[in-house]
């Protein structure tokens, strides 16, 4: 990272459009049918636990955390995590992950789940969830369902379906 001046900032509401364009470029239109995206339909990610990566004023990466429950246990869903293709392999994704997980732990969160590649996410503490312990609605590769304990033993006895945490339901505008 020495050749880049990287800044990790808490996501601001006015970052939404630039982040959506980044998601369009990196994930394409098929992202909306993925199970993780379906969980995001009615509950917004937590701005205070979502971050952008910038080089100067250029947005080059983003990570978001969404409040979910596993059965009745509160947790966070990590994602999407993305970095502009020309800037990949320079530690930006890792810097975003470290900031998001560190701040979540500091704020008292105990569990983070995601659908992703264990060789990549395992480097920051994610492990494959044992088959049959946790599920997600819709099609998902269960071998890619991962969990990270932010507090020792936080995943012991946790099981069930991952669902949005309805205490954070998105307000819908009323017709006037």
Protein backbone atom coordinates (compact mmCIF):
# COMPACT_ATOMS: atom_id res chain seq x y z
CA UNK A 1 0.00 0.00 0.00
CA UNK A 2 2.99 2.34 0.17
CA UNK A 3 2.40 3.57 -3.39
CA UNK A 4 -1.17 4.62 -2.55
CA UNK A 5 -2.58 7.09 -0.06
CA UNK A 6 -5.57 5.09 1.12
CA UNK A 7 -8.24 6.50 3.42
CA UNK A 8 -10.93 4.34 5.04
CA UNK A 9 -13.98 6.43 5.97
CA UNK A 10 -17.35 5.66 7.52
CA UNK A 11 -19.91 5.53 4.73
CA UNK A 12 -21.99 8.70 4.43
CA UNK A 13 -25.54 8.83 3.08
CA UNK A 14 -24.33 10.77 0.03
CA UNK A 15 -21.96 7.87 -0.90
CA UNK A 16 -24.91 5.64 -1.89
CA UNK A 17 -24.99 6.48 -5.60
CA UNK A 18 -21.23 6.04 -6.11
CA UNK A 19 -21.32 2.74 -4.20
CA UNK A 20 -24.26 1.49 -6.27
CA UNK A 21 -22.32 2.27 -9.47
CA UNK A 22 -19.33 0.37 -8.04
CA UNK A 23 -21.60 -2.64 -7.33
CA UNK A 24 -23.00 -2.44 -10.89
CA UNK A 25 -19.48 -2.54 -12.35
CA UNK A 26 -18.14 -5.32 -10.14
CA UNK A 27 -21.17 -7.61 -9.61
CA UNK A 28 -23.46 -6.88 -12.57
CA UNK A 29 -27.25 -7.12 -12.72
CA UNK A 30 -27.38 -10.73 -11.51
CA UNK A 31 -26.52 -9.58 -7.98
CA UNK A 32 -30.17 -8.85 -7.17
CA UNK A 33 -31.19 -12.53 -7.25
CA UNK A 34 -28.52 -13.61 -4.75
CA UNK A 35 -29.77 -14.66 -1.31
CA UNK A 36 -27.65 -12.04 0.46
CA UNK A 37 -29.19 -9.28 -1.66
CA UNK A 38 -32.68 -10.58 -0.89
CA UNK A 39 -31.99 -10.09 2.83
CA UNK A 40 -31.20 -6.42 2.11
CA UNK A 41 -34.57 -5.63 0.53
CA UNK A 42 -36.33 -4.38 3.68
CA UNK A 43 -33.52 -3.53 6.10
CA UNK A 44 -30.77 -1.01 5.43
CA UNK A 45 -27.12 -1.60 6.21
CA UNK A 46 -25.71 0.21 9.23
CA UNK A 47 -23.94 3.37 8.06
CA UNK A 48 -21.82 3.51 11.23
CA UNK A 49 -20.46 0.02 10.41
CA UNK A 50 -20.11 0.46 6.64
CA UNK A 51 -17.00 1.93 5.08
CA UNK A 52 -15.54 3.32 1.90
CA UNK A 53 -11.97 3.18 0.66
CA UNK A 54 -10.67 6.21 -1.20
CA UNK A 55 -7.50 7.16 -2.91
CA UNK A 56 -7.64 10.93 -2.88
CA UNK A 57 -11.28 11.64 -3.72
CA UNK A 58 -11.68 8.48 -5.84
CA UNK A 59 -13.93 5.81 -4.29
CA UNK A 60 -12.13 2.50 -4.89
CA UNK A 61 -13.87 0.16 -2.45
CA UNK A 62 -16.77 -0.39 -0.11
CA UNK A 63 -17.96 -2.78 2.60
CA UNK A 64 -21.32 -2.86 4.35
CA UNK A 65 -22.76 -4.59 7.41
CA UNK A 66 -26.47 -5.38 7.70
CA UNK A 67 -28.30 -6.30 10.92
CA UNK A 68 -29.64 -9.86 10.74
CA UNK A 69 -30.70 -12.61 13.10
CA UNK A 70 -29.68 -16.26 13.02
CA UNK A 71 -32.78 -17.80 14.49
CA UNK A 72 -33.28 -15.38 17.38
CA UNK A 73 -29.59 -14.47 17.79
CA UNK A 74 -28.55 -10.99 16.59
CA UNK A 75 -25.71 -10.93 14.07
CA UNK A 76 -24.38 -8.89 11.17
CA UNK A 77 -24.25 -9.86 7.49
CA UNK A 78 -21.07 -8.67 5.82
CA UNK A 79 -21.33 -7.54 2.25
CA UNK A 80 -21.06 -6.60 -0.31
CA UNK A 81 -17.32 -6.08 -0.09
CA UNK A 82 -15.91 -4.82 -3.33
CA UNK A 83 -12.84 -3.09 -4.71
CA UNK A 84 -12.46 -1.55 -8.16
CA UNK A 85 -10.66 -4.15 -10.34
CA UNK A 86 -7.58 -2.01 -11.10
CA UNK A 87 -6.98 -1.59 -7.36
CA UNK A 88 -7.37 -5.24 -6.30
CA UNK A 89 -4.46 -7.12 -4.76
CA UNK A 90 -3.20 -4.07 -2.89
CA UNK A 91 -4.71 -4.74 0.54
CA UNK A 92 -7.75 -2.48 0.14
CA UNK A 93 -10.29 -5.26 0.73
CA UNK A 94 -8.36 -6.38 3.81
CA UNK A 95 -8.23 -2.80 5.15
CA UNK A 96 -12.01 -2.50 4.70
CA UNK A 97 -12.59 -5.86 6.43
CA UNK A 98 -10.29 -4.99 9.34
CA UNK A 99 -12.06 -1.67 9.90
CA UNK A 100 -15.59 -3.12 9.64
CA UNK A 101 -14.90 -6.08 11.93
CA UNK A 102 -12.91 -3.97 14.40
CA UNK A 103 -15.61 -1.33 14.71
CA UNK A 104 -18.35 -3.98 14.98
CA UNK A 105 -16.47 -5.65 17.83
CA UNK A 106 -15.88 -2.31 19.57
CA UNK A 107 -19.61 -1.56 19.36
CA UNK A 108 -20.44 -4.86 21.07
CA UNK A 109 -21.49 -7.02 18.11
CA UNK A 110 -20.65 -10.69 18.58
CA UNK A 111 -21.23 -12.48 15.23
CA UNK A 112 -20.75 -11.71 11.55
CA UNK A 113 -21.88 -14.01 8.74
CA UNK A 114 -21.36 -13.88 5.00
CA UNK A 115 -21.47 -15.87 1.81
CA UNK A 116 -17.93 -15.96 0.45
CA UNK A 117 -14.69 -17.79 -0.18
CA UNK A 118 -13.18 -19.31 2.97
CA UNK A 119 -9.57 -19.03 1.73
CA UNK A 120 -9.99 -15.24 1.45
CA UNK A 121 -12.17 -14.54 4.48
CA UNK A 122 -10.50 -17.16 6.66
CA UNK A 123 -7.51 -14.83 6.93
CA UNK A 124 -9.62 -12.48 9.08
CA UNK A 125 -11.23 -15.19 11.22
CA UNK A 126 -14.19 -16.51 9.20
CA UNK A 127 -14.93 -20.25 9.30
CA UNK A 128 -17.31 -22.45 7.35
CA UNK A 129 -20.56 -23.00 9.24
CA UNK A 130 -21.15 -26.70 9.86
CA UNK A 131 -23.73 -28.15 7.48
CA UNK A 132 -27.28 -27.98 8.82
CA UNK A 133 -26.57 -25.51 11.64
CA UNK A 134 -27.53 -22.31 9.80
CA UNK A 135 -29.42 -21.67 6.58
CA UNK A 136 -30.35 -18.76 4.35
CA UNK A 137 -33.51 -18.29 2.34
CA UNK A 138 -33.19 -18.94 -1.36
CA UNK A 139 -30.39 -20.60 -3.26
CA UNK A 140 -27.00 -20.41 -1.55
CA UNK A 141 -23.91 -22.59 -1.67
CA UNK A 142 -23.83 -23.82 1.96
CA UNK A 143 -20.08 -24.47 1.68
CA UNK A 144 -19.63 -20.70 1.27
CA UNK A 145 -21.70 -19.76 4.33
CA UNK A 146 -19.15 -18.42 6.83
CA UNK A 147 -19.17 -17.03 10.38
CA UNK A 148 -16.74 -14.92 12.39
CA UNK A 149 -17.01 -14.76 16.18
CA UNK A 150 -16.18 -11.27 17.44
CA UNK A 151 -16.52 -12.56 21.02
CA UNK A 152 -15.19 -15.96 22.12
CA UNK A 153 -17.91 -18.62 22.08
CA UNK A 154 -20.50 -16.32 20.50
CA UNK A 155 -21.50 -18.96 17.93
CA UNK A 156 -21.99 -21.79 20.46
CA UNK A 157 -25.58 -23.04 20.34
CA UNK A 158 -26.57 -20.67 17.53
CA UNK A 159 -28.68 -22.20 14.78
CA UNK A 160 -31.55 -21.41 12.48
CA UNK A 161 -32.44 -19.36 9.45
CA UNK A 162 -30.64 -16.10 8.68
CA UNK A 163 -33.23 -13.34 8.33
CA UNK A 164 -33.28 -9.55 8.44
CA UNK A 165 -33.37 -8.06 11.93
CA UNK A 166 -36.86 -6.55 11.73
CA UNK A 167 -36.11 -4.05 14.50
CA UNK A 168 -34.19 -2.20 11.77
CA UNK A 169 -36.96 -2.32 9.13
CA UNK A 170 -36.65 0.38 6.49
CA UNK A 171 -39.21 3.15 6.73
CA UNK A 172 -41.37 3.33 3.62
CA UNK A 173 -42.56 6.74 2.51
CA UNK A 174 -46.27 7.31 2.93
CA UNK A 175 -48.39 8.66 0.11
CA UNK A 176 -49.61 12.20 0.65
